[in-house]
Amino acid sequence: MFDRIKEIREKIFITQQQMANALNVRKQAISDYERGINTIPTKALIILINDYNININWLLSGKGNMLLSDTEKVSTAQQIQELNDRIKELEIENKVLKELIKK
């Protein structure tokens, strides 16, 4: 995966420092990720995927396209919204169950 980190940076024309700023890490960390010295943390992967429209399957395996298509972006956004809605529903159900248990 380390080679794909550098490929992303080069494809979107940003420096290691700019990527470091976006991921809230030091510039040296980006260099280390690109050389395979350190593994990029999950939090940084999520930022890359969300902020730069990166296809997670490509990032992790090298399969598919680097960037998500417009259709995939919409699908992913819809899935995230559906998950957020379901989480809210479960939180409400959990609150109701806790109240019932107290009684």
N, C-alpha and C. Protein backbone atom coordinates (compact mmCIF):
# COMPACT_ATOMS: atom_id res chain seq x y z
N MET A 1 0.83 -1.19 0.00
CA MET A 1 0.00 0.00 0.00
C MET A 1 0.87 1.26 0.00
N PHE A 2 2.09 1.18 0.55
CA PHE A 2 2.92 2.38 0.69
C PHE A 2 3.17 3.07 -0.65
N ASP A 3 3.31 2.29 -1.72
CA ASP A 3 3.54 2.90 -3.03
C ASP A 3 2.30 3.66 -3.51
N ARG A 4 1.13 3.23 -3.09
CA ARG A 4 -0.10 3.91 -3.50
C ARG A 4 -0.29 5.24 -2.76
N ILE A 5 0.26 5.35 -1.56
CA ILE A 5 0.19 6.63 -0.84
C ILE A 5 0.91 7.70 -1.66
N LYS A 6 2.10 7.36 -2.13
CA LYS A 6 2.86 8.31 -2.94
C LYS A 6 2.14 8.58 -4.26
N GLU A 7 1.55 7.55 -4.84
CA GLU A 7 0.84 7.71 -6.10
C GLU A 7 -0.33 8.68 -5.95
N ILE A 8 -1.04 8.60 -4.84
CA ILE A 8 -2.15 9.53 -4.57
C ILE A 8 -1.60 10.95 -4.53
N ARG A 9 -0.55 11.14 -3.76
CA ARG A 9 0.02 12.47 -3.59
C ARG A 9 0.46 13.07 -4.93
N GLU A 10 1.10 12.25 -5.72
CA GLU A 10 1.57 12.73 -7.03
C GLU A 10 0.40 12.98 -7.99
N LYS A 11 -0.62 12.15 -7.92
CA LYS A 11 -1.77 12.29 -8.81
C LYS A 11 -2.53 13.60 -8.54
N ILE A 12 -2.62 13.97 -7.28
CA ILE A 12 -3.38 15.18 -6.94
C ILE A 12 -2.47 16.40 -6.77
N PHE A 13 -1.20 16.23 -7.12
CA PHE A 13 -0.24 17.33 -7.15
C PHE A 13 -0.10 18.08 -5.84
N ILE A 14 0.14 17.31 -4.76
CA ILE A 14 0.43 17.96 -3.48
C ILE A 14 1.77 17.47 -2.97
N THR A 15 2.39 18.28 -2.15
CA THR A 15 3.68 17.94 -1.56
C THR A 15 3.48 17.05 -0.34
N GLN A 16 4.56 16.49 0.14
CA GLN A 16 4.48 15.71 1.37
C GLN A 16 4.00 16.58 2.52
N GLN A 17 4.45 17.83 2.54
CA GLN A 17 4.03 18.74 3.61
C GLN A 17 2.54 19.02 3.54
N GLN A 18 2.01 19.22 2.34
CA GLN A 18 0.57 19.47 2.20
C GLN A 18 -0.24 18.26 2.64
N MET A 19 0.23 17.07 2.27
CA MET A 19 -0.48 15.87 2.70
C MET A 19 -0.37 15.71 4.21
N ALA A 20 0.80 16.00 4.76
CA ALA A 20 0.98 15.92 6.21
C ALA A 20 0.01 16.85 6.93
N ASN A 21 -0.13 18.07 6.40
CA ASN A 21 -1.08 19.02 7.00
C ASN A 21 -2.51 18.48 6.94
N ALA A 22 -2.88 17.90 5.82
CA ALA A 22 -4.24 17.37 5.66
C ALA A 22 -4.51 16.20 6.60
N LEU A 23 -3.47 15.40 6.86
CA LEU A 23 -3.64 14.21 7.70
C LEU A 23 -3.28 14.46 9.16
N ASN A 24 -2.88 15.69 9.47
CA ASN A 24 -2.49 16.06 10.84
C ASN A 24 -1.33 15.22 11.36
N VAL A 25 -0.32 15.06 10.50
CA VAL A 25 0.90 14.35 10.89
C VAL A 25 2.11 15.18 10.46
N ARG A 26 3.28 14.74 10.88
CA ARG A 26 4.51 15.42 10.46
C ARG A 26 4.85 15.02 9.03
N LYS A 27 5.61 15.87 8.35
CA LYS A 27 6.05 15.58 6.99
C LYS A 27 6.83 14.27 6.95
N GLN A 28 7.65 14.03 7.97
CA GLN A 28 8.45 12.80 8.03
C GLN A 28 7.55 11.56 8.04
N ALA A 29 6.38 11.68 8.65
CA ALA A 29 5.45 10.54 8.68
C ALA A 29 5.01 10.17 7.27
N ILE A 30 4.75 11.18 6.43
CA ILE A 30 4.35 10.91 5.05
C ILE A 30 5.48 10.20 4.32
N SER A 31 6.69 10.68 4.50
CA SER A 31 7.85 10.03 3.90
C SER A 31 7.95 8.58 4.35
N ASP A 32 7.75 8.36 5.63
CA ASP A 32 7.81 6.99 6.18
C ASP A 32 6.71 6.10 5.61
N TYR A 33 5.50 6.65 5.44
CA TYR A 33 4.40 5.87 4.84
C TYR A 33 4.76 5.49 3.41
N GLU A 34 5.29 6.46 2.67
CA GLU A 34 5.59 6.23 1.25
C GLU A 34 6.73 5.24 1.06
N ARG A 35 7.63 5.16 2.02
CA ARG A 35 8.75 4.22 1.91
C ARG A 35 8.45 2.89 2.59
N GLY A 36 7.28 2.76 3.19
CA GLY A 36 6.89 1.51 3.83
C GLY A 36 7.54 1.30 5.18
N ILE A 37 8.10 2.36 5.76
CA ILE A 37 8.74 2.25 7.07
C ILE A 37 7.70 2.14 8.17
N ASN A 38 6.64 2.94 8.05
CA ASN A 38 5.53 2.91 9.01
C ASN A 38 4.23 2.67 8.26
N THR A 39 3.29 2.07 8.93
CA THR A 39 1.96 1.86 8.37
C THR A 39 1.12 3.09 8.65
N ILE A 40 0.39 3.51 7.65
CA ILE A 40 -0.46 4.68 7.82
C ILE A 40 -1.62 4.33 8.75
N PRO A 41 -1.90 5.16 9.75
CA PRO A 41 -2.98 4.86 10.69
C PRO A 41 -4.36 4.92 10.04
N THR A 42 -5.27 4.20 10.60
CA THR A 42 -6.64 4.13 10.08
C THR A 42 -7.26 5.52 9.97
N LYS A 43 -7.05 6.35 10.96
CA LYS A 43 -7.63 7.70 10.94
C LYS A 43 -7.15 8.47 9.71
N ALA A 44 -5.88 8.34 9.39
CA ALA A 44 -5.32 9.03 8.21
C ALA A 44 -5.89 8.42 6.93
N LEU A 45 -6.09 7.11 6.91
CA LEU A 45 -6.70 6.46 5.73
C LEU A 45 -8.10 7.01 5.48
N ILE A 46 -8.85 7.17 6.54
CA ILE A 46 -10.21 7.69 6.40
C ILE A 46 -10.20 9.10 5.83
N ILE A 47 -9.26 9.91 6.29
CA ILE A 47 -9.15 11.28 5.75
C ILE A 47 -8.82 11.22 4.27
N LEU A 48 -7.87 10.36 3.89
CA LEU A 48 -7.50 10.23 2.48
C LEU A 48 -8.71 9.83 1.64
N ILE A 49 -9.42 8.85 2.11
CA ILE A 49 -10.57 8.32 1.37
C ILE A 49 -11.64 9.39 1.22
N ASN A 50 -11.97 10.07 2.31
CA ASN A 50 -13.04 11.07 2.28
C ASN A 50 -12.63 12.35 1.58
N ASP A 51 -11.50 12.89 1.94
CA ASP A 51 -11.11 14.21 1.43
C ASP A 51 -10.61 14.18 -0.01
N TYR A 52 -10.03 13.07 -0.42
CA TYR A 52 -9.46 13.00 -1.76
C TYR A 52 -10.21 12.04 -2.69
N ASN A 53 -11.36 11.54 -2.21
CA ASN A 53 -12.22 10.72 -3.06
C ASN A 53 -11.53 9.45 -3.54
N ILE A 54 -10.77 8.82 -2.64
CA ILE A 54 -9.99 7.64 -2.98
C ILE A 54 -10.83 6.38 -2.79
N ASN A 55 -10.72 5.48 -3.74
CA ASN A 55 -11.39 4.18 -3.68
C ASN A 55 -10.65 3.30 -2.66
N ILE A 56 -11.32 2.93 -1.60
CA ILE A 56 -10.67 2.17 -0.53
C ILE A 56 -10.16 0.82 -1.04
N ASN A 57 -10.90 0.19 -1.96
CA ASN A 57 -10.44 -1.09 -2.49
C ASN A 57 -9.11 -0.93 -3.23
N TRP A 58 -8.99 0.14 -4.00
CA TRP A 58 -7.73 0.40 -4.70
C TRP A 58 -6.61 0.68 -3.70
N LEU A 59 -6.92 1.48 -2.70
CA LEU A 59 -5.91 1.86 -1.72
C LEU A 59 -5.36 0.63 -0.98
N LEU A 60 -6.23 -0.26 -0.58
CA LEU A 60 -5.81 -1.42 0.19
C LEU A 60 -5.24 -2.55 -0.66
N SER A 61 -5.78 -2.72 -1.87
CA SER A 61 -5.38 -3.89 -2.67
C SER A 61 -4.73 -3.56 -4.00
N GLY A 62 -4.91 -2.32 -4.47
CA GLY A 62 -4.41 -1.96 -5.79
C GLY A 62 -5.38 -2.34 -6.90
N LYS A 63 -6.53 -2.88 -6.55
CA LYS A 63 -7.51 -3.30 -7.56
C LYS A 63 -8.53 -2.20 -7.79
N GLY A 64 -8.92 -2.03 -9.05
CA GLY A 64 -9.90 -1.01 -9.40
C GLY A 64 -9.24 0.32 -9.69
N ASN A 65 -10.06 1.35 -9.74
CA ASN A 65 -9.58 2.70 -10.02
C ASN A 65 -9.18 3.41 -8.73
N MET A 66 -8.22 4.31 -8.84
CA MET A 66 -7.78 5.07 -7.68
C MET A 66 -8.90 5.94 -7.13
N LEU A 67 -9.57 6.65 -8.02
CA LEU A 67 -10.61 7.59 -7.60
C LEU A 67 -11.99 6.99 -7.79
N LEU A 68 -12.89 7.36 -6.91
CA LEU A 68 -14.28 6.91 -7.04
C LEU A 68 -14.95 7.67 -8.17
N SER A 69 -15.81 6.97 -8.90
CA SER A 69 -16.61 7.63 -9.93
C SER A 69 -17.72 8.42 -9.25
N ASP A 70 -18.37 9.27 -10.00
CA ASP A 70 -19.49 10.05 -9.45
C ASP A 70 -20.57 9.13 -8.90
N THR A 71 -20.85 8.04 -9.60
CA THR A 71 -21.86 7.08 -9.14
C THR A 71 -21.44 6.45 -7.83
N GLU A 72 -20.18 6.06 -7.74
CA GLU A 72 -19.69 5.44 -6.50
C GLU A 72 -19.70 6.43 -5.35
N LYS A 73 -19.40 7.71 -5.62
CA LYS A 73 -19.43 8.74 -4.58
C LYS A 73 -20.84 8.85 -4.02
N VAL A 74 -21.83 8.90 -4.90
CA VAL A 74 -23.22 9.02 -4.47
C VAL A 74 -23.62 7.80 -3.66
N SER A 75 -23.25 6.63 -4.15
CA SER A 75 -23.59 5.38 -3.46
C SER A 75 -22.95 5.35 -2.07
N THR A 76 -21.70 5.74 -1.99
CA THR A 76 -21.00 5.75 -0.71
C THR A 76 -21.64 6.75 0.23
N ALA A 77 -21.95 7.94 -0.27
CA ALA A 77 -22.58 8.97 0.56
C ALA A 77 -23.94 8.49 1.07
N GLN A 78 -24.70 7.82 0.20
CA GLN A 78 -26.00 7.30 0.61
C GLN A 78 -25.84 6.22 1.69
N GLN A 79 -24.86 5.36 1.52
CA GLN A 79 -24.62 4.31 2.50
C GLN A 79 -24.23 4.90 3.85
N ILE A 80 -23.40 5.93 3.82
CA ILE A 80 -22.99 6.58 5.07
C ILE A 80 -24.20 7.22 5.74
N GLN A 81 -25.04 7.88 4.95
CA GLN A 81 -26.24 8.51 5.52
C GLN A 81 -27.18 7.46 6.11
N GLU A 82 -27.36 6.35 5.41
CA GLU A 82 -28.22 5.28 5.91
C GLU A 82 -27.66 4.71 7.22
N LEU A 83 -26.36 4.53 7.29
CA LEU A 83 -25.74 4.03 8.52
C LEU A 83 -25.92 5.03 9.66
N ASN A 84 -25.73 6.30 9.38
CA ASN A 84 -25.93 7.32 10.41
C ASN A 84 -27.37 7.34 10.89
N ASP A 85 -28.32 7.21 9.97
CA ASP A 85 -29.73 7.16 10.35
C ASP A 85 -30.01 5.95 11.23
N ARG A 86 -29.44 4.81 10.86
CA ARG A 86 -29.66 3.59 11.65
C ARG A 86 -29.04 3.71 13.03
N ILE A 87 -27.89 4.34 13.11
CA ILE A 87 -27.24 4.55 14.41
C ILE A 87 -28.13 5.40 15.31
N LYS A 88 -28.73 6.45 14.75
CA LYS A 88 -29.63 7.30 15.52
C LYS A 88 -30.83 6.50 16.02
N GLU A 89 -31.38 5.65 15.14
CA GLU A 89 -32.52 4.82 15.53
C GLU A 89 -32.13 3.89 16.69
N LEU A 90 -30.97 3.28 16.58
CA LEU A 90 -30.51 2.36 17.63
C LEU A 90 -30.25 3.09 18.95
N GLU A 91 -29.75 4.31 18.86
CA GLU A 91 -29.53 5.10 20.08
C GLU A 91 -30.86 5.40 20.77
N ILE A 92 -31.88 5.71 19.98
CA ILE A 92 -33.21 5.97 20.55
C ILE A 92 -33.76 4.70 21.18
N GLU A 93 -33.65 3.58 20.47
CA GLU A 93 -34.13 2.30 21.00
C GLU A 93 -33.40 1.95 22.29
N ASN A 94 -32.10 2.20 22.31
CA ASN A 94 -31.30 1.90 23.49
C ASN A 94 -31.77 2.74 24.68
N LYS A 95 -32.04 4.00 24.42
CA LYS A 95 -32.52 4.89 25.48
C LYS A 95 -33.86 4.41 26.03
N VAL A 96 -34.76 4.02 25.13
CA VAL A 96 -36.08 3.52 25.55
C VAL A 96 -35.93 2.25 26.39
N LEU A 97 -35.08 1.35 25.94
CA LEU A 97 -34.85 0.10 26.69
C LEU A 97 -34.27 0.36 28.07
N LYS A 98 -33.36 1.30 28.17
CA LYS A 98 -32.81 1.65 29.48
C LYS A 98 -33.87 2.18 30.41
N GLU A 99 -34.78 3.00 29.88
CA GLU A 99 -35.88 3.53 30.68
C GLU A 99 -36.81 2.42 31.14
N LEU A 100 -37.07 1.48 30.25
CA LEU A 100 -37.94 0.35 30.61
C LEU A 100 -37.29 -0.51 31.69
N ILE A 101 -36.01 -0.71 31.59
CA ILE A 101 -35.30 -1.52 32.59
C ILE A 101 -35.34 -0.84 33.96
N LYS A 102 -35.23 0.47 33.98
CA LYS A 102 -35.28 1.21 35.25
C LYS A 102 -36.62 1.02 35.93
N LYS A 103 -37.69 0.89 35.15
CA LYS A 103 -39.04 0.75 35.70
C LYS A 103 -39.24 -0.66 36.10
